[in-house]
Amino acid sequence: MSDPQISRRAQIDSFVAMDVMAEANRRDAAGEEVIHMEIGQPASPAPEKARAAVRQALDSGAHGYTDAPGLPELRQRIARYYAERHAVDVAPERIIVTTGSSAGFSLAFLMLFDHGAALGLPQPGYPCYRHIASALGLRPVAVEAGPVEHWMPTPRALEEAAGRVDGLNGLIVASPANPTGTMLGPSDMANLIDYCRSQGMWFISDEIYHGLEHTIEAQTALRFSDDAIVINSLSKYYCMTGWRIGWMVVPERLIRTAERLQQNLYICAPTLSQIAATAAFDATEELDQIKAGYARNREHLLSVLGDAGFGELAPADGAFYIYADVSHLTNDSRDFAARALSEAGVAITPGIDFDPEGGHRYVRLSYAGNLADMQKGAAKLGGWIGSLRA
């Protein structure tokens, strides 16, 4: 009798950045010095106001399930965030609190697309978009974006991608983007949304790096369309990765659909994390000081990585990533990143995580750590690359 077979939908690629982190953590535990530039995780803890709110809540009794869409006070606070930051009026009822942005992506894909639907994904882009889409039976379709397009999808690239699959059903785009840190200006985002509307496509806006802009102001898709699906998170600007807390904004006609999916798949986001998140929105003074540290890290790395041996760098308008060309050093970014860890003691992420076709020529460096580590990491990488050339 043969063994039961594993589902084909489970046969997705690994999230390589997490694999690199696991190996870096193993080396940490073995006593090796490792500079972490592989993962998009702030080095700072959650803001003190968030932690204080949880300490108080822990002494106040049991914390059971919340309503599936989330605590009313958190949804109201998120609605106020849109009014204060973007001058956009969002009804709290349209906000669904999720278990990180990852749950938001799963909910959005299930809510909007049937099995076999074609979803446009920027390439390079966040790898879990295509992995989640594949696991749910969707067809991930690469929308090419390179230096000429400021590493962002364009209506022309969307049209080309749609032609390869007889039409797209939707597009997901992040601004600031991972891995490039590039951003869409207002007219560029409006043009993408208009194109999607003209083609009957859903537009999903990944806004998890909002608050971490360095050169231009981030735009919410809600400024341009009430039909856009917005996904955000408290992991990045708010320094709450392990708390697993995020949110979605959905059109009014999808409120009940999103609620039913949330009820059945997740019940609700963790209650203590929701309490912490509500308080975190009022911690911007502390968080902006952390953001200023990222800006210093960015300035330093942009000024030294060229001399350290890296090639062309993406502009890094926002987030905390630098996407660097290493094609003059290697044609295998996975091997290059593995050697950087084992030989230089610096963990970086190979570009193949973000672009299976062209990412062998790139690596991503995260500057979410402290300045001393960024300086040491760049110096170690520069010395190591120098030895490769010798």
Protein backbone atom coordinates (compact mmCIF):
# COMPACT_ATOMS: atom_id res chain seq x y z
CA MET A 1 0.00 0.00 0.00
CA SER A 2 1.49 3.35 -1.04
CA ASP A 3 1.81 6.31 1.29
CA PRO A 4 -0.75 9.14 1.03
CA GLN A 5 0.41 11.88 -1.32
CA ILE A 6 1.15 15.44 -0.26
CA SER A 7 -1.08 18.05 -1.85
CA ARG A 8 0.35 19.66 -4.98
CA ARG A 9 -0.69 23.05 -3.67
CA ALA A 10 1.75 22.61 -0.78
CA GLN A 11 4.68 22.28 -3.18
CA ILE A 12 5.64 25.94 -3.11
CA ASP A 13 9.12 27.43 -2.92
CA SER A 14 10.57 28.43 0.41
CA PHE A 15 10.75 32.04 1.55
CA VAL A 16 14.50 32.29 1.03
CA ALA A 17 14.99 35.29 3.33
CA MET A 18 13.63 33.17 6.20
CA ASP A 19 15.96 30.31 5.23
CA VAL A 20 18.91 32.71 5.35
CA MET A 21 17.75 34.01 8.73
CA ALA A 22 17.47 30.47 10.09
CA GLU A 23 21.05 29.69 9.05
CA ALA A 24 22.26 33.03 10.44
CA ASN A 25 20.49 32.30 13.74
CA ARG A 26 22.11 28.85 13.85
CA ARG A 27 25.51 30.47 13.50
CA ASP A 28 24.59 33.03 16.17
CA ALA A 29 23.67 30.21 18.54
CA ALA A 30 27.00 28.50 17.80
CA GLY A 31 28.84 31.61 18.96
CA GLU A 32 29.73 33.11 15.58
CA GLU A 33 29.41 36.86 15.04
CA VAL A 34 26.77 37.51 12.37
CA ILE A 35 25.66 40.89 11.05
CA HIS A 36 21.99 40.59 10.11
CA MET A 37 21.12 42.38 6.87
CA GLU A 38 18.88 39.62 5.50
CA ILE A 39 15.45 40.20 7.00
CA GLY A 40 13.02 43.11 7.04
CA GLN A 41 12.76 43.25 10.80
CA PRO A 42 13.33 46.37 12.89
CA ALA A 43 16.02 45.98 15.53
CA SER A 44 13.94 48.12 17.93
CA PRO A 45 11.20 46.64 20.11
CA ALA A 46 7.53 47.59 19.92
CA PRO A 47 6.97 51.15 21.15
CA GLU A 48 6.73 51.62 24.90
CA LYS A 49 3.10 52.77 24.71
CA ALA A 50 2.16 49.47 23.07
CA ARG A 51 4.04 47.41 25.65
CA ALA A 52 2.55 49.42 28.51
CA ALA A 53 -0.95 48.84 27.17
CA VAL A 54 -0.33 45.08 27.15
CA ARG A 55 1.10 45.08 30.68
CA GLN A 56 -2.02 46.83 31.88
CA ALA A 57 -4.28 44.50 29.92
CA LEU A 58 -2.62 41.39 31.34
CA ASP A 59 -3.73 42.43 34.83
CA SER A 60 -7.31 43.14 33.79
CA GLY A 61 -8.61 39.60 33.34
CA ALA A 62 -9.29 37.16 30.52
CA HIS A 63 -8.74 38.08 26.91
CA GLY A 64 -10.87 35.93 24.68
CA TYR A 65 -11.93 36.26 21.09
CA THR A 66 -12.80 39.63 19.66
CA ASP A 67 -15.31 40.15 16.87
CA ALA A 68 -13.83 38.67 13.70
CA PRO A 69 -13.12 42.09 12.13
CA GLY A 70 -11.31 43.24 15.26
CA LEU A 71 -11.68 45.40 18.35
CA PRO A 72 -14.00 48.35 17.64
CA GLU A 73 -11.56 50.79 19.24
CA LEU A 74 -8.71 49.59 17.01
CA ARG A 75 -10.81 49.82 13.85
CA GLN A 76 -11.86 53.33 14.84
CA ARG A 77 -8.23 54.29 15.50
CA ILE A 78 -7.17 52.97 12.10
CA ALA A 79 -9.94 54.99 10.46
CA ARG A 80 -8.62 58.07 12.26
CA TYR A 81 -5.13 57.26 10.96
CA TYR A 82 -6.39 57.58 7.38
CA ALA A 83 -8.07 60.88 8.16
CA GLU A 84 -4.98 62.29 9.87
CA ARG A 85 -2.28 60.98 7.54
CA HIS A 86 -4.00 60.89 4.17
CA ALA A 87 -7.08 63.11 4.56
CA VAL A 88 -9.19 60.15 3.46
CA ASP A 89 -12.51 59.25 5.08
CA VAL A 90 -12.71 55.51 5.78
CA ALA A 91 -15.61 54.01 7.71
CA PRO A 92 -14.37 51.77 10.56
CA GLU A 93 -16.71 49.05 9.29
CA ARG A 94 -14.52 48.70 6.17
CA ILE A 95 -11.48 47.78 8.27
CA ILE A 96 -10.67 44.11 8.98
CA VAL A 97 -7.92 43.51 11.55
CA THR A 98 -5.74 40.58 10.46
CA THR A 99 -3.05 38.27 11.80
CA GLY A 100 -0.28 40.23 10.14
CA SER A 101 -0.36 41.33 6.51
CA SER A 102 0.17 37.68 5.51
CA ALA A 103 -3.37 36.81 6.59
CA GLY A 104 -4.54 39.88 4.70
CA PHE A 105 -3.02 38.60 1.47
CA SER A 106 -4.66 35.18 1.93
CA LEU A 107 -8.04 36.75 2.70
CA ALA A 108 -7.80 39.13 -0.25
CA PHE A 109 -6.84 36.42 -2.73
CA LEU A 110 -9.64 34.13 -1.54
CA MET A 111 -12.16 36.93 -1.53
CA LEU A 112 -11.39 38.28 -5.00
CA PHE A 113 -10.23 35.39 -7.18
CA ASP A 114 -11.51 31.97 -8.21
CA HIS A 115 -9.24 28.98 -8.79
CA GLY A 116 -7.13 29.55 -11.89
CA ALA A 117 -7.40 33.35 -11.88
CA ALA A 118 -4.35 35.26 -13.14
CA LEU A 119 -2.78 37.64 -10.63
CA GLY A 120 -0.23 40.20 -11.77
CA LEU A 121 2.81 40.45 -9.50
CA PRO A 122 5.65 42.96 -9.87
CA GLN A 123 8.97 41.29 -10.61
CA PRO A 124 11.09 41.75 -8.57
CA GLY A 125 8.62 41.68 -5.72
CA TYR A 126 7.75 40.16 -2.37
CA PRO A 127 8.06 36.36 -2.89
CA CYS A 128 5.17 35.35 -0.67
CA TYR A 129 2.69 36.96 -3.06
CA ARG A 130 3.39 34.27 -5.64
CA HIS A 131 3.76 31.49 -3.06
CA ILE A 132 0.40 32.24 -1.40
CA ALA A 133 -1.24 32.68 -4.79
CA SER A 134 0.14 29.34 -5.99
CA ALA A 135 -0.99 27.52 -2.85
CA LEU A 136 -4.50 28.90 -3.39
CA GLY A 137 -4.62 27.70 -6.98
CA LEU A 138 -4.09 31.08 -8.66
CA ARG A 139 -1.73 31.76 -11.55
CA PRO A 140 1.02 34.23 -10.58
CA VAL A 141 1.96 36.32 -13.63
CA ALA A 142 5.18 38.33 -13.57
CA VAL A 143 4.84 42.04 -14.42
CA GLU A 144 8.36 43.09 -15.32
CA ALA A 145 9.80 46.17 -13.62
CA GLY A 146 13.40 47.31 -13.90
CA PRO A 147 15.59 50.38 -13.54
CA VAL A 148 14.05 52.12 -16.57
CA GLU A 149 10.60 51.88 -14.93
CA HIS A 150 11.98 52.89 -11.52
CA TRP A 151 11.47 49.24 -10.57
CA MET A 152 7.69 49.74 -10.60
CA PRO A 153 5.00 48.18 -12.83
CA THR A 154 3.49 50.37 -15.54
CA PRO A 155 0.25 50.09 -17.53
CA ARG A 156 2.35 49.07 -20.54
CA ALA A 157 4.00 46.24 -18.56
CA LEU A 158 0.58 45.18 -17.30
CA GLU A 159 -0.73 45.06 -20.85
CA GLU A 160 2.23 42.92 -21.92
CA ALA A 161 1.70 40.53 -18.98
CA ALA A 162 -2.02 40.29 -19.69
CA GLY A 163 -1.30 39.39 -23.28
CA ARG A 164 0.72 36.37 -22.17
CA VAL A 165 -2.19 34.82 -20.26
CA ASP A 166 -5.27 36.10 -22.09
CA GLY A 167 -6.02 38.71 -19.44
CA LEU A 168 -5.28 39.43 -15.79
CA ASN A 169 -7.81 39.33 -12.98
CA GLY A 170 -5.90 41.55 -10.61
CA LEU A 171 -2.67 43.28 -9.64
CA ILE A 172 -0.93 43.63 -6.31
CA VAL A 173 1.68 46.34 -5.88
CA ALA A 174 3.62 47.70 -2.91
CA SER A 175 4.84 51.28 -2.51
CA PRO A 176 7.38 51.50 -0.89
CA ALA A 177 8.35 48.21 -2.48
CA ASN A 178 10.22 45.16 -1.29
CA PRO A 179 13.04 44.50 -2.33
CA THR A 180 13.84 47.75 -4.14
CA GLY A 181 12.49 50.39 -1.76
CA THR A 182 11.10 52.29 -4.75
CA MET A 183 7.79 54.15 -4.71
CA LEU A 184 4.90 55.26 -6.90
CA GLY A 185 4.11 58.93 -7.19
CA PRO A 186 0.44 60.06 -7.18
CA SER A 187 0.05 60.10 -10.96
CA ASP A 188 1.74 56.71 -11.38
CA MET A 189 -0.53 55.07 -8.82
CA ALA A 190 -3.60 56.75 -10.34
CA ASN A 191 -2.61 55.48 -13.78
CA LEU A 192 -2.23 51.90 -12.55
CA ILE A 193 -5.58 52.02 -10.77
CA ASP A 194 -7.26 53.53 -13.84
CA TYR A 195 -5.81 50.80 -16.05
CA CYS A 196 -7.03 48.07 -13.69
CA ARG A 197 -10.48 49.65 -13.57
CA SER A 198 -10.65 49.84 -17.37
CA GLN A 199 -9.81 46.12 -17.61
CA GLY A 200 -12.15 44.95 -14.85
CA MET A 201 -9.18 44.01 -12.65
CA TRP A 202 -8.88 44.21 -8.88
CA PHE A 203 -6.18 46.50 -7.52
CA ILE A 204 -4.55 45.41 -4.24
CA SER A 205 -2.26 47.92 -2.56
CA ASP A 206 0.35 46.58 -0.13
CA GLU A 207 1.08 49.56 2.12
CA ILE A 208 3.00 47.84 4.92
CA TYR A 209 6.01 50.14 4.53
CA HIS A 210 4.00 53.33 4.86
CA GLY A 211 5.65 55.64 7.36
CA LEU A 212 9.09 54.62 6.11
CA GLU A 213 9.50 57.07 3.21
CA HIS A 214 12.79 58.87 2.59
CA THR A 215 12.40 60.83 -0.65
CA ILE A 216 8.70 61.19 -1.53
CA GLU A 217 5.41 60.86 0.33
CA ALA A 218 3.64 57.51 0.24
CA GLN A 219 0.20 57.43 -1.34
CA THR A 220 -2.67 55.27 -0.19
CA ALA A 221 -4.71 53.73 -2.98
CA LEU A 222 -7.81 54.85 -1.10
CA ARG A 223 -7.13 58.37 -2.38
CA PHE A 224 -7.86 57.17 -5.90
CA SER A 225 -10.41 54.37 -5.55
CA ASP A 226 -12.98 53.11 -3.07
CA ASP A 227 -12.77 49.73 -4.81
CA ALA A 228 -9.07 49.18 -4.07
CA ILE A 229 -8.13 46.59 -1.46
CA VAL A 230 -5.55 48.01 0.96
CA ILE A 231 -3.37 45.80 3.16
CA ASN A 232 -1.20 47.24 5.92
CA SER A 233 0.68 46.02 8.97
CA LEU A 234 2.23 47.15 12.22
CA SER A 235 5.36 45.09 11.56
CA LYS A 236 7.56 47.68 9.88
CA TYR A 237 7.13 51.33 10.91
CA TYR A 238 5.56 50.24 14.21
CA CYS A 239 8.29 47.65 14.99
CA MET A 240 5.82 44.88 15.83
CA THR A 241 6.85 41.96 13.60
CA GLY A 242 6.34 39.15 16.11
CA TRP A 243 3.02 40.54 17.32
CA ARG A 244 1.47 39.44 14.01
CA ILE A 245 -0.98 42.27 13.61
CA GLY A 246 -2.17 44.04 10.47
CA TRP A 247 -5.33 45.20 8.74
CA MET A 248 -7.24 45.38 5.47
CA VAL A 249 -9.51 48.08 4.08
CA VAL A 250 -12.16 46.61 1.80
CA PRO A 251 -14.97 48.13 -0.28
CA GLU A 252 -18.29 48.32 1.49
CA ARG A 253 -19.77 45.55 -0.66
CA LEU A 254 -17.08 43.11 0.56
CA ILE A 255 -17.33 43.77 4.31
CA ARG A 256 -19.46 40.73 5.07
CA THR A 257 -17.47 38.51 2.66
CA ALA A 258 -14.22 39.40 4.43
CA GLU A 259 -15.83 38.85 7.83
CA ARG A 260 -17.07 35.36 6.92
CA LEU A 261 -13.63 34.32 5.68
CA GLN A 262 -11.97 35.74 8.79
CA GLN A 263 -14.43 33.91 11.05
CA ASN A 264 -13.68 30.56 9.46
CA LEU A 265 -9.95 30.82 8.77
CA TYR A 266 -8.57 32.79 11.72
CA ILE A 267 -11.54 33.64 14.02
CA CYS A 268 -9.79 36.92 14.90
CA ALA A 269 -6.37 38.47 15.27
CA PRO A 270 -4.66 37.97 18.68
CA THR A 271 -6.45 40.09 21.25
CA LEU A 272 -3.36 41.31 23.12
CA SER A 273 -1.77 42.30 19.84
CA GLN A 274 -4.86 44.31 18.97
CA ILE A 275 -4.63 46.13 22.30
CA ALA A 276 -0.97 46.87 21.69
CA ALA A 277 -1.71 48.07 18.15
CA THR A 278 -4.34 50.53 19.35
CA ALA A 279 -1.77 52.18 21.61
CA ALA A 280 1.02 52.05 19.01
CA PHE A 281 -0.77 54.55 16.77
CA ASP A 282 -0.05 57.20 19.40
CA ALA A 283 3.67 56.41 19.62
CA THR A 284 4.79 58.32 16.53
CA GLU A 285 7.35 60.45 18.41
CA GLU A 286 9.29 57.34 19.47
CA LEU A 287 8.80 55.66 16.10
CA ASP A 288 9.96 58.68 14.11
CA GLN A 289 13.22 58.62 16.07
CA ILE A 290 13.70 55.00 14.99
CA LYS A 291 12.89 56.00 11.41
CA ALA A 292 15.58 58.70 11.61
CA GLY A 293 18.01 55.90 12.45
CA TYR A 294 17.02 54.06 9.26
CA ALA A 295 17.69 57.25 7.31
CA ARG A 296 21.21 57.40 8.75
CA ASN A 297 21.75 53.74 7.89
CA ARG A 298 20.51 54.35 4.35
CA GLU A 299 22.74 57.37 3.84
CA HIS A 300 25.77 55.46 5.05
CA LEU A 301 25.16 52.37 2.91
CA LEU A 302 24.38 54.33 -0.24
CA SER A 303 27.65 56.21 0.24
CA VAL A 304 29.89 53.16 0.80
CA LEU A 305 28.42 50.16 -1.03
CA GLY A 306 29.80 51.28 -4.38
CA ASP A 307 33.32 51.47 -2.99
CA ALA A 308 32.72 48.13 -1.24
CA GLY A 309 32.30 46.50 -4.63
CA PHE A 310 28.58 46.49 -5.30
CA GLY A 311 27.17 47.56 -8.65
CA GLU A 312 24.09 49.65 -9.45
CA LEU A 313 21.79 50.26 -6.47
CA ALA A 314 18.03 50.73 -6.63
CA PRO A 315 17.02 54.22 -5.39
CA ALA A 316 15.73 53.09 -1.96
CA ASP A 317 13.04 55.78 -1.79
CA GLY A 318 11.42 54.07 1.21
CA ALA A 319 11.24 50.95 3.39
CA PHE A 320 14.66 49.77 4.65
CA TYR A 321 16.15 47.83 1.75
CA ILE A 322 18.84 48.28 -0.86
CA TYR A 323 18.65 46.12 -3.98
CA ALA A 324 22.14 45.81 -5.39
CA ASP A 325 23.49 44.53 -8.69
CA VAL A 326 26.23 41.92 -8.19
CA SER A 327 26.32 40.59 -11.76
CA HIS A 328 29.97 41.69 -12.11
CA LEU A 329 30.79 39.40 -9.19
CA THR A 330 28.53 36.38 -9.70
CA ASN A 331 25.78 34.84 -11.78
CA ASP A 332 24.44 32.93 -8.76
CA SER A 333 23.10 35.21 -6.04
CA ARG A 334 22.12 32.25 -3.82
CA ASP A 335 25.71 31.03 -3.73
CA PHE A 336 26.96 34.59 -3.32
CA ALA A 337 24.71 35.17 -0.29
CA ALA A 338 25.66 31.81 1.24
CA ARG A 339 29.34 32.66 0.91
CA ALA A 340 28.82 36.16 2.31
CA LEU A 341 27.39 34.52 5.43
CA SER A 342 29.95 31.73 5.79
CA GLU A 343 33.05 33.71 4.77
CA ALA A 344 32.24 37.31 5.78
CA GLY A 345 29.74 36.72 8.58
CA VAL A 346 27.10 38.97 6.96
CA ALA A 347 23.61 37.66 6.21
CA ILE A 348 22.05 39.06 3.02
CA THR A 349 19.22 37.79 0.82
CA PRO A 350 19.73 36.55 -2.75
CA GLY A 351 17.70 38.27 -5.43
CA ILE A 352 16.23 34.99 -6.65
CA ASP A 353 13.83 35.23 -3.70
CA PHE A 354 12.23 38.25 -5.37
CA ASP A 355 12.79 37.47 -9.04
CA PRO A 356 13.20 33.82 -10.10
CA GLU A 357 14.30 34.88 -13.59
CA GLY A 358 16.62 37.85 -13.17
CA GLY A 359 17.34 37.76 -9.45
CA HIS A 360 20.49 35.69 -9.85
CA ARG A 361 22.23 39.04 -10.56
CA TYR A 362 21.03 40.88 -7.43
CA VAL A 363 21.07 40.76 -3.65
CA ARG A 364 18.98 42.62 -1.08
CA LEU A 365 20.46 44.25 2.00
CA SER A 366 18.22 45.30 4.87
CA TYR A 367 19.28 48.32 6.90
CA ALA A 368 16.69 47.88 9.66
CA GLY A 369 19.43 47.30 12.24
CA ASN A 370 21.53 49.80 14.18
CA LEU A 371 24.11 52.05 12.55
CA ALA A 372 27.12 50.33 14.13
CA ASP A 373 26.05 46.98 12.66
CA MET A 374 25.39 48.53 9.24
CA GLN A 375 28.85 50.11 9.26
CA LYS A 376 30.47 46.85 10.32
CA GLY A 377 28.46 44.82 7.83
CA ALA A 378 29.39 47.06 4.90
CA ALA A 379 33.06 46.99 5.91
CA LYS A 380 33.04 43.19 6.21
CA LEU A 381 31.36 42.81 2.82
CA GLY A 382 33.82 45.25 1.25
CA GLY A 383 36.79 43.34 2.61
CA TRP A 384 35.35 40.04 1.48
CA ILE A 385 34.55 41.26 -2.03
CA GLY A 386 38.07 42.66 -2.22
CA SER A 387 39.43 39.22 -1.45
CA LEU A 388 37.30 37.71 -4.23
CA ARG A 389 38.88 40.09 -6.71
CA ALA A 390 42.43 39.57 -5.51
